Each structure stands twice: as structure tokens, then as C-alpha cells.
Protein backbone atom coordinates (compact mmCIF):
# COMPACT_ATOMS: atom_id res chain seq x y z
CA UNK A 1 -11.24 -11.00 10.22
CA UNK A 2 -9.55 -8.04 12.24
CA UNK A 3 -10.30 -9.18 15.22
CA UNK A 4 -6.45 -9.01 18.18
CA UNK A 5 -5.98 -12.42 19.55
CA UNK A 6 -4.81 -13.65 22.77
CA UNK A 7 -1.38 -14.64 22.99
CA UNK A 8 -1.32 -17.61 24.56
CA UNK A 9 -3.59 -18.92 22.32
CA UNK A 10 -1.71 -17.88 19.28
CA UNK A 11 1.24 -19.84 21.25
CA UNK A 12 -0.84 -22.68 21.61
CA UNK A 13 -2.11 -22.77 17.58
CA UNK A 14 1.82 -22.55 16.71
CA UNK A 15 2.67 -25.57 18.66
CA UNK A 16 -0.12 -27.29 17.35
CA UNK A 17 0.83 -26.49 13.95
CA UNK A 18 4.33 -27.78 14.24
CA UNK A 19 2.84 -30.86 16.07
CA UNK A 20 0.92 -31.80 12.65
CA UNK A 21 4.58 -31.12 11.11
CA UNK A 22 6.98 -33.14 12.95
CA UNK A 23 7.89 -35.69 10.59
CA UNK A 24 11.36 -34.74 8.27
CA UNK A 25 11.02 -35.21 4.63
CA UNK A 26 14.66 -36.38 2.65
CA UNK A 27 15.43 -33.02 0.10
CA UNK A 28 17.27 -33.35 -2.81
CA UNK A 29 21.14 -33.46 -2.89
CA UNK A 30 22.49 -29.81 -3.00
CA UNK A 31 25.33 -31.35 -4.86
CA UNK A 32 22.88 -32.15 -7.85
CA UNK A 33 21.69 -28.45 -7.67
CA UNK A 34 22.58 -26.18 -10.54
CA UNK A 35 24.62 -23.27 -9.98
CA UNK A 36 23.20 -19.53 -10.69
CA UNK A 37 25.15 -18.13 -13.72
CA UNK A 38 25.85 -14.15 -14.19
CA UNK A 39 23.26 -11.81 -14.37
CA UNK A 40 21.36 -11.60 -18.02
CA UNK A 41 20.43 -8.79 -20.20
CA UNK A 42 16.27 -9.13 -19.38
CA UNK A 43 14.31 -11.62 -17.05
CA UNK A 44 10.86 -13.13 -17.38
CA UNK A 45 8.16 -10.92 -15.49
CA UNK A 46 6.42 -12.60 -12.52
CA UNK A 47 3.64 -12.23 -10.66
CA UNK A 48 3.42 -12.38 -6.75
CA UNK A 49 -0.51 -13.28 -5.46
CA UNK A 50 -0.57 -12.42 -1.93
CA UNK A 51 -4.58 -13.58 -0.81
CA UNK A 52 -5.68 -13.28 2.68
CA UNK A 53 -7.68 -15.91 3.90
CA UNK A 54 -8.52 -18.32 7.08
CA UNK A 55 -10.81 -21.49 7.44
CA UNK A 56 -12.72 -19.10 9.02
CA UNK A 57 -14.34 -17.92 6.00
CA UNK A 58 -16.77 -19.98 4.18
CA UNK A 59 -16.56 -18.82 1.06
CA UNK A 60 -12.45 -18.51 0.54
CA UNK A 61 -12.50 -22.22 -1.11
CA UNK A 62 -14.41 -20.86 -3.98
CA UNK A 63 -11.59 -17.93 -4.14
CA UNK A 64 -8.74 -20.76 -3.12
CA UNK A 65 -10.12 -22.30 -6.38
CA UNK A 66 -9.43 -19.09 -8.78
CA UNK A 67 -5.90 -18.83 -7.15
CA UNK A 68 -5.16 -22.57 -8.24
CA UNK A 69 -6.51 -21.73 -11.51
CA UNK A 70 -4.01 -18.71 -12.13
CA UNK A 71 -1.22 -20.19 -11.51
CA UNK A 72 -1.51 -23.55 -13.17
CA UNK A 73 -2.67 -20.94 -16.21
CA UNK A 74 0.36 -18.90 -16.01
CA UNK A 75 3.18 -21.95 -14.81
CA UNK A 76 6.58 -20.37 -13.31
CA UNK A 77 4.82 -17.31 -13.79
CA UNK A 78 2.31 -16.45 -10.54
CA UNK A 79 3.31 -17.41 -7.13
CA UNK A 80 0.51 -17.54 -4.71
CA UNK A 81 0.99 -17.19 -1.00
CA UNK A 82 -2.09 -17.51 1.41
CA UNK A 83 -1.44 -15.51 4.61
CA UNK A 84 -4.18 -17.12 6.86
CA UNK A 85 -5.65 -14.40 9.66
CA UNK A 86 -7.71 -15.14 12.95
CA UNK A 87 -7.09 -19.45 12.65
CA UNK A 88 -4.72 -22.38 13.33
CA UNK A 89 -2.54 -21.38 10.19
CA UNK A 90 -1.46 -17.93 10.92
CA UNK A 91 2.11 -16.76 10.53
CA UNK A 92 3.56 -15.41 14.09
CA UNK A 93 6.29 -13.49 12.56
CA UNK A 94 4.00 -11.19 10.18
CA UNK A 95 1.57 -10.72 13.24
CA UNK A 96 2.33 -7.51 15.38
CA UNK A 97 1.25 -6.81 19.14
CA UNK A 98 -1.73 -5.73 18.63
CA UNK A 99 -3.19 -9.21 17.05
CA UNK A 100 -3.13 -7.69 13.26
CA UNK A 101 -1.26 -8.96 10.75
CA UNK A 102 1.30 -6.08 8.81
CA UNK A 103 0.55 -7.02 5.28
CA UNK A 104 -2.79 -7.02 6.03
CA UNK A 105 -3.37 -3.94 8.24
CA UNK A 106 -1.24 -2.29 5.02
CA UNK A 107 -2.31 -3.43 2.13
CA UNK A 108 -6.55 -4.18 3.00
CA UNK A 109 -7.01 -1.87 6.05
CA UNK A 110 -10.81 -2.18 4.77
CA UNK A 111 -10.84 -5.72 6.44
CA UNK A 112 -12.18 -7.55 3.02
CA UNK A 113 -12.52 -10.89 3.26
CA UNK A 114 -11.21 -12.75 0.85
CA UNK A 115 -9.23 -10.74 -0.48
CA UNK A 116 -5.48 -10.73 -2.52
CA UNK A 117 -2.99 -8.09 -4.30
CA UNK A 118 -1.65 -8.82 -6.87
CA UNK A 119 2.04 -7.70 -7.33
CA UNK A 120 1.07 -5.19 -4.99
CA UNK A 121 -0.57 -2.51 -6.50
CA UNK A 122 -3.50 -1.45 -5.53
CA UNK A 123 -5.15 2.04 -6.44
CA UNK A 124 -7.88 1.10 -4.57
CA UNK A 125 -10.11 -1.88 -2.95
CA UNK A 126 -11.51 -3.63 -5.94
CA UNK A 127 -8.04 -4.26 -6.75
CA UNK A 128 -8.02 -6.43 -4.06
CA UNK A 129 -11.37 -8.20 -4.93
CA UNK A 130 -11.11 -12.20 -6.29
CA UNK A 131 -13.13 -11.00 -9.45
CA UNK A 132 -10.27 -8.54 -10.45
CA UNK A 133 -7.33 -10.86 -9.88
CA UNK A 134 -7.08 -12.33 -13.78
CA UNK A 135 -6.98 -9.02 -15.09
CA UNK A 136 -4.69 -7.97 -12.74
CA UNK A 137 -2.53 -10.58 -13.05
CA UNK A 138 -2.43 -10.25 -17.02
CA UNK A 139 -2.08 -6.22 -16.96
CA UNK A 140 1.44 -7.24 -14.39
CA UNK A 141 2.44 -9.64 -17.14
CA UNK A 142 2.30 -7.63 -19.91
CA UNK A 143 5.04 -5.15 -17.80
CA UNK A 144 9.51 -5.69 -18.68
CA UNK A 145 10.88 -6.13 -15.39
CA UNK A 146 13.69 -4.02 -14.57
CA UNK A 147 15.26 -6.77 -11.65
CA UNK A 148 15.09 -10.90 -11.10
CA UNK A 149 15.98 -12.66 -8.68
CA UNK A 150 17.69 -16.13 -8.29
CA UNK A 151 17.80 -18.54 -5.09
CA UNK A 152 20.18 -20.75 -3.50
CA UNK A 153 18.45 -23.13 -1.16
CA UNK A 154 20.52 -26.05 -0.87
CA UNK A 155 22.84 -24.57 2.35
CA UNK A 156 21.28 -26.92 4.97
CA UNK A 157 23.16 -28.03 8.05
CA UNK A 158 21.07 -29.92 10.82
CA UNK A 159 18.00 -27.54 11.15
CA UNK A 160 19.63 -24.66 9.96
CA UNK A 161 18.69 -23.61 6.99
CA UNK A 162 20.96 -20.88 5.11
CA UNK A 163 19.13 -19.05 1.94
CA UNK A 164 20.62 -17.02 -0.50
CA UNK A 165 18.77 -14.77 -2.55
CA UNK A 166 20.67 -13.24 -5.51
CA UNK A 167 18.92 -9.97 -6.98
CA UNK A 168 20.29 -9.22 -10.36
CA UNK A 169 19.04 -5.25 -12.59
CA UNK A 170 18.50 -5.11 -16.22
CA UNK A 171 18.44 -1.35 -15.45
CA UNK A 172 19.25 1.14 -12.61
CA UNK A 173 16.75 1.97 -10.57
CA UNK A 174 15.89 4.83 -8.42
CA UNK A 175 14.12 4.97 -4.91
CA UNK A 176 13.72 2.73 -1.79
CA UNK A 177 13.32 -1.03 -3.14
CA UNK A 178 13.33 -3.35 0.04
CA UNK A 179 13.86 -7.24 -0.70
CA UNK A 180 11.60 -9.86 1.39
CA UNK A 181 12.14 -13.75 1.74
CA UNK A 182 8.89 -16.22 2.93
CA UNK A 183 8.96 -19.72 3.63
CA UNK A 184 5.95 -20.85 2.63
CA UNK A 185 4.49 -24.81 2.55
CA UNK A 186 3.16 -25.78 -0.71
CA UNK A 187 0.18 -28.13 1.09
CA UNK A 188 -1.06 -28.06 4.54
CA UNK A 189 -3.42 -31.09 5.85
CA UNK A 190 -4.73 -32.35 8.67
CA UNK A 191 -7.51 -34.23 9.97
CA UNK A 192 -7.53 -32.34 13.10
CA UNK A 193 -11.42 -30.60 13.10
CA UNK A 194 -9.89 -27.53 14.13
CA UNK A 195 -8.09 -26.90 10.89
CA UNK A 196 -11.64 -27.75 8.81
CA UNK A 197 -12.55 -25.25 6.47
CA UNK A 198 -15.79 -23.63 6.29
CA UNK A 199 -18.27 -24.31 3.90
CA UNK A 200 -20.84 -21.93 3.14
CA UNK A 201 -21.91 -23.33 0.05
CA UNK A 202 -22.95 -26.59 0.93
CA UNK A 203 -26.17 -27.94 1.04
CA UNK A 204 -26.55 -27.54 4.76
CA UNK A 205 -24.30 -24.51 5.06
CA UNK A 206 -25.05 -20.95 5.55
CA UNK A 207 -25.66 -19.82 1.86
CA UNK A 208 -25.83 -23.09 -0.05
CA UNK A 209 -25.16 -22.15 -4.14
CA UNK A 210 -26.29 -25.91 -6.25
CA UNK A 211 -23.73 -24.36 -8.69
CA UNK A 212 -21.05 -24.70 -6.41
CA UNK A 213 -18.37 -27.48 -6.65
CA UNK A 214 -18.51 -27.58 -2.71
CA UNK A 215 -22.38 -27.57 -2.63
CA UNK A 216 -22.35 -31.15 -1.93
CA UNK A 217 -19.90 -31.39 0.60
CA UNK A 218 -20.32 -30.78 4.18
CA UNK A 219 -20.53 -27.32 5.69
CA UNK A 220 -17.14 -28.15 7.62
CA UNK A 221 -14.31 -29.58 4.78
CA UNK A 222 -11.86 -31.76 6.95
CA UNK A 223 -8.21 -32.39 5.80
CA UNK A 224 -9.07 -29.56 3.42
CA UNK A 225 -5.91 -28.62 1.39
CA UNK A 226 -4.70 -25.41 2.27
CA UNK A 227 -1.71 -24.16 -0.60
CA UNK A 228 1.23 -21.84 -1.01
CA UNK A 229 0.49 -21.65 3.05
CA UNK A 230 3.11 -18.54 4.70
CA UNK A 231 4.64 -20.44 7.26
CA UNK A 232 7.51 -17.57 8.52
CA UNK A 233 9.03 -14.22 6.94
CA UNK A 234 12.43 -14.80 6.69
CA UNK A 235 14.35 -11.51 6.51
CA UNK A 236 15.84 -9.93 8.85
CA UNK A 237 14.01 -7.02 8.94
CA UNK A 238 10.30 -9.02 9.37
CA UNK A 239 7.67 -7.85 6.93
CA UNK A 240 8.73 -4.28 6.14
CA UNK A 241 11.55 -5.79 4.43
CA UNK A 242 15.42 -5.57 4.08
CA UNK A 243 16.57 -2.26 2.09
CA UNK A 244 18.85 -2.54 -0.90
CA UNK A 245 21.53 -0.53 -0.31
CA UNK A 246 20.82 2.44 -3.39
CA UNK A 247 24.41 1.58 -4.41
CA UNK A 248 23.40 -1.66 -5.53
CA UNK A 249 20.28 -0.72 -7.66
CA UNK A 250 23.18 -0.61 -10.70
CA UNK A 251 22.58 -2.48 -14.28
CA UNK A 252 24.55 -5.98 -14.51
CA UNK A 253 24.83 -5.88 -10.84
CA UNK A 254 23.74 -8.81 -8.79
CA UNK A 255 22.88 -7.88 -4.79
CA UNK A 256 22.95 -10.77 -2.79
CA UNK A 257 21.91 -11.36 0.62
CA UNK A 258 22.18 -14.53 2.86
CA UNK A 259 19.10 -15.56 5.36
CA UNK A 260 19.48 -18.35 7.99
CA UNK A 261 16.03 -20.05 8.85
CA UNK A 262 15.76 -22.56 12.36
CA UNK A 263 13.66 -25.55 10.62
CA UNK A 264 13.86 -27.13 14.14
CA UNK A 265 10.18 -28.49 14.90
CA UNK A 266 9.15 -27.93 11.15
CA UNK A 267 8.98 -30.97 8.52
CA UNK A 268 10.96 -29.90 5.51
CA UNK A 269 8.19 -32.04 3.10
CA UNK A 270 7.20 -29.31 0.50
CA UNK A 271 8.60 -26.33 2.29
CA UNK A 272 9.26 -23.68 -0.44
CA UNK A 273 10.96 -19.96 -0.24
CA UNK A 274 9.10 -17.15 -2.10
CA UNK A 275 11.48 -14.30 -2.89
CA UNK A 276 10.64 -10.83 -4.00
CA UNK A 277 12.14 -7.13 -4.50
CA UNK A 278 9.09 -4.12 -3.50
CA UNK A 279 9.03 -0.90 -4.41
CA UNK A 280 8.48 0.50 -0.94
CA UNK A 281 5.94 3.28 -0.82
CA UNK A 282 4.74 5.41 2.29
CA UNK A 283 1.38 3.44 2.49
CA UNK A 284 -0.47 0.36 1.16
CA UNK A 285 -1.05 1.94 -2.40
CA UNK A 286 2.31 3.42 -2.71
CA UNK A 287 4.33 -0.09 -3.19
CA UNK A 288 5.03 -2.24 -6.52
CA UNK A 289 6.53 -5.50 -6.76
CA UNK A 290 9.23 -5.69 -9.67
CA UNK A 291 9.69 -9.56 -9.40
CA UNK A 292 9.54 -12.30 -7.31
CA UNK A 293 11.28 -15.92 -7.57
CA UNK A 294 10.39 -19.06 -5.96
CA UNK A 295 11.91 -22.11 -5.29
CA UNK A 296 11.37 -25.77 -3.25
CA UNK A 297 14.51 -26.18 -0.11
CA UNK A 298 16.97 -27.73 -0.99
CA UNK A 299 17.20 -26.43 -4.84
CA UNK A 300 18.62 -23.77 -6.62
CA UNK A 301 16.14 -21.71 -8.79
CA UNK A 302 18.49 -19.79 -11.64
CA UNK A 303 17.47 -16.02 -13.12
CA UNK A 304 13.82 -16.40 -15.48
């Protein structure tokens, strides 16, 4: 999973991805979107599940099912983001000159595959294991957040989207906090075999498992439904996040920041914005996501 990418191949991959998504879908009428209200006194705790995956990961389909189950069991509370590595769905905006993904390198330095971080609360490699996702999510859902988010993604002119992310505070926070914003695609499918998902559990795969729902399926899953795919990081400072001024993190305040997104060549169908506040740390085990929010492009999501 930590292999270096050849830069011309990544560029070709990006063009291929866009070519499979070049239809423009109608977006909801922004005039019908609700307005964002004043900052509430309390917020619902929501969960960011960042998974590190690849079409080349033959055991990942089973973990995709687990991810989907966790989201469906906690509607509007758990928001997965699939960060692809070493395949055609790689997000170039979070990939450095070395060819490594920034988030994977920071939060999954051991290169576990598959792996996933729950609200970036990582004390050791066991927290990244899919077997611990459920317990980590349940534990995080029991916390009381000190901030919440609201998002307005209705300002679309031509191929330019302006996203306004509001961060409200129910308590005064000290320390360094950063706002992050992702553009994700709810579902991506392609009949192109280059996008086929490996399936190790297949009867014809390297590790067939008769107990798996994938056992009677092909070892290469064509037209596989890749869900919650990270398309690009849209905040100004890239994957490191944008600093929230220290003087803005006080109780009752609404700190807003606008991000501009170029949608040229991108199919807008199924696009979503995920924004979250991260308590910044010096290494991968000292971060913490305070709260997260999701909205469809062309819509508004109010607090809670």
C-alpha cells in the first residue's frame, strides 16, 4: 500500500476517472434550501470514519460491508470517507511528491490494509483494525461535543462551487483546531475492468471463504460500487487543514470559512461535502476530530 506512484500514471488515472464521470446532473434548486440558524447550545456527536482502501486490496470488500453497516445503523451520525491508495481512484490533492497519501502516512504509518480511523482517535495500530471500528464508534458516540458544523453548498456558478462551512461552539476551546473539507462521491461505478475490485474470498480467489457473501462471485468484481470516495481535499491548506483563529473558538461563536471548488469535468451527481474540525496534534496519535458534518452538493445542512 505504500508504493510510490509514477507521476505520469497518476495524471492518466485522474483523466480516466474524470472521463468516467463527465455527465452533468441536475442539482437541487438552491432557492429551496433551508437557511442556517443561530448556533445552538448543544450539538449531536457525529463520527468520521476514514478508511484506507484500494481496488487492489482483495480483502477490502468484506470491510466495505462492515463500513456500510455501521453507517446504516447510525443514520446521520456516522460518515465514512474512503481514501483510495495505489489505484485509479487515488486523490491527487492529498498525495505528496513522494507518492504517499498524507493521511495514510500520518495516521496509518504501518501500512495496515484495510485500515480505518474513527474520529482520528488512535492510540495504537489496534484502533485502525476493522474489528475495532464498531466499539470505537460506539465509544465516540457517547461523548459530548463542544462544537458542531453547518454547511451551505448551494452557491454554484458555472463550474465553480463555493462552500461555506460554519463552525459553532458550545464551549470555549483552547489549543489549535483546524477545519477540513472533503469533496466525496457517494457511489462510483465503472464497467471498465481497470476499476475492478479484487475479491480474495471468491471460490476462484487466493483465499476462498465459503462463509463470505463474495464466495460465489468473481475474483475481479467489475462495476463494483465504491462508496464515499474521496475526490479531493478542498480546504486551502490541503490535507493539513486550515487553522481556526484562536480568538474564534469561544462559546456561542459562529466561525465561517468559504472554500472554492472547481468542478470542471466532474460529474456533479452524487457529490457531497464532508467537513470536520480536528484538534491538531504533532503526530498521528495526538489528533482528535471534535465533530463532522455532511451535505449534498447543491444543498444546505443545518446544525445537528
